[in-house]
C-alpha atoms as a PDB file:
ATOM      1  CA  UNK A   1      -2.373 -13.594 -11.560  1.00  0.00           C
ATOM      2  CA  UNK A   2      -1.604  -9.944 -10.886  1.00  0.00           C
ATOM      3  CA  UNK A   3       1.926  -8.746 -11.583  1.00  0.00           C
ATOM      4  CA  UNK A   4       4.061  -7.114  -8.923  1.00  0.00           C
ATOM      5  CA  UNK A   5       4.057  -3.892 -10.965  1.00  0.00           C
ATOM      6  CA  UNK A   6       0.247  -3.776 -10.979  1.00  0.00           C
ATOM      7  CA  UNK A   7       0.181  -4.655  -7.286  1.00  0.00           C
ATOM      8  CA  UNK A   8       2.440  -1.756  -6.325  1.00  0.00           C
ATOM      9  CA  UNK A   9       0.420   0.592  -8.556  1.00  0.00           C
ATOM     10  CA  UNK A  10      -2.770  -0.413  -6.746  1.00  0.00           C
ATOM     11  CA  UNK A  11      -1.127   0.040  -3.345  1.00  0.00           C
ATOM     12  CA  UNK A  12      -0.179   3.590  -4.349  1.00  0.00           C
ATOM     13  CA  UNK A  13      -3.639   4.308  -5.769  1.00  0.00           C
ATOM     14  CA  UNK A  14      -5.198   2.975  -2.579  1.00  0.00           C
ATOM     15  CA  UNK A  15      -3.810   6.039  -0.785  1.00  0.00           C
ATOM     16  CA  UNK A  16      -5.808   8.364  -3.035  1.00  0.00           C
ATOM     17  CA  UNK A  17      -8.990   6.446  -3.798  1.00  0.00           C
ATOM     18  CA  UNK A  18     -11.091   3.504  -2.729  1.00  0.00           C
ATOM     19  CA  UNK A  19     -10.243   0.421  -4.758  1.00  0.00           C
ATOM     20  CA  UNK A  20     -13.015  -1.577  -6.394  1.00  0.00           C
ATOM     21  CA  UNK A  21     -13.999  -4.885  -4.864  1.00  0.00           C
ATOM     22  CA  UNK A  22     -12.255  -6.791  -7.654  1.00  0.00           C
ATOM     23  CA  UNK A  23      -9.070  -4.724  -7.284  1.00  0.00           C
ATOM     24  CA  UNK A  24      -9.070  -5.267  -3.523  1.00  0.00           C
ATOM     25  CA  UNK A  25      -9.578  -9.018  -3.867  1.00  0.00           C
ATOM     26  CA  UNK A  26      -6.870  -9.342  -6.533  1.00  0.00           C
ATOM     27  CA  UNK A  27      -4.444  -7.280  -4.447  1.00  0.00           C
ATOM     28  CA  UNK A  28      -5.121  -9.318  -1.302  1.00  0.00           C
ATOM     29  CA  UNK A  29      -4.597 -12.568  -3.191  1.00  0.00           C
ATOM     30  CA  UNK A  30      -1.349 -11.286  -4.651  1.00  0.00           C
ATOM     31  CA  UNK A  31      -0.122 -10.200  -1.214  1.00  0.00           C
ATOM     32  CA  UNK A  32      -0.862 -13.670   0.179  1.00  0.00           C
ATOM     33  CA  UNK A  33       1.588 -15.257  -2.241  1.00  0.00           C
ATOM     34  CA  UNK A  34       4.183 -12.507  -2.811  1.00  0.00           C
ATOM     35  CA  UNK A  35       6.496 -11.665   0.061  1.00  0.00           C
ATOM     36  CA  UNK A  36       8.220  -8.906  -1.955  1.00  0.00           C
ATOM     37  CA  UNK A  37       4.998  -6.947  -2.396  1.00  0.00           C
ATOM     38  CA  UNK A  38       4.008  -7.643   1.205  1.00  0.00           C
ATOM     39  CA  UNK A  39       7.294  -6.070   2.299  1.00  0.00           C
ATOM     40  CA  UNK A  40       6.651  -3.130  -0.029  1.00  0.00           C
ATOM     41  CA  UNK A  41       3.249  -2.604   1.579  1.00  0.00           C
ATOM     42  CA  UNK A  42       4.754  -2.751   5.083  1.00  0.00           C
ATOM     43  CA  UNK A  43       7.358  -0.183   4.080  1.00  0.00           C
ATOM     44  CA  UNK A  44       4.682   2.097   2.639  1.00  0.00           C
ATOM     45  CA  UNK A  45       2.653   1.792   5.861  1.00  0.00           C
ATOM     46  CA  UNK A  46       5.740   2.561   7.953  1.00  0.00           C
ATOM     47  CA  UNK A  47       6.613   5.643   5.874  1.00  0.00           C
ATOM     48  CA  UNK A  48       3.030   6.916   5.957  1.00  0.00           C
ATOM     49  CA  UNK A  49       2.911   6.570   9.750  1.00  0.00           C
ATOM     50  CA  UNK A  50       6.336   8.204  10.165  1.00  0.00           C
ATOM     51  CA  UNK A  51       5.302  11.156   7.989  1.00  0.00           C
ATOM     52  CA  UNK A  52       2.075  11.627   9.965  1.00  0.00           C
ATOM     53  CA  UNK A  53       3.992  11.595  13.253  1.00  0.00           C
ATOM     54  CA  UNK A  54       6.535  14.048  11.891  1.00  0.00           C
ATOM     55  CA  UNK A  55       3.764  16.363  10.735  1.00  0.00           C
ATOM     56  CA  UNK A  56       1.993  16.130  14.114  1.00  0.00           C
ATOM     57  CA  UNK A  57       5.173  17.118  15.961  1.00  0.00           C
ATOM     58  CA  UNK A  58       5.864  20.085  13.688  1.00  0.00           C
ATOM     59  CA  UNK A  59       5.425  23.493  15.364  1.00  0.00           C
ATOM     60  CA  UNK A  60       2.967  25.806  13.669  1.00  0.00           C
END
């Protein structure tokens, strides 16, 4: 089973590159059974969306 540390590393890497099929499957499985990492992913998604909205509203 994947550790939470590896899971969070993959979630961060997923922002910069496409994960392999095996990495994606392992991450999805881990997220199905780990509510802590699922919350971490939700927080990352929220922050990413908030940053995009902030950037869109920024005057040039």
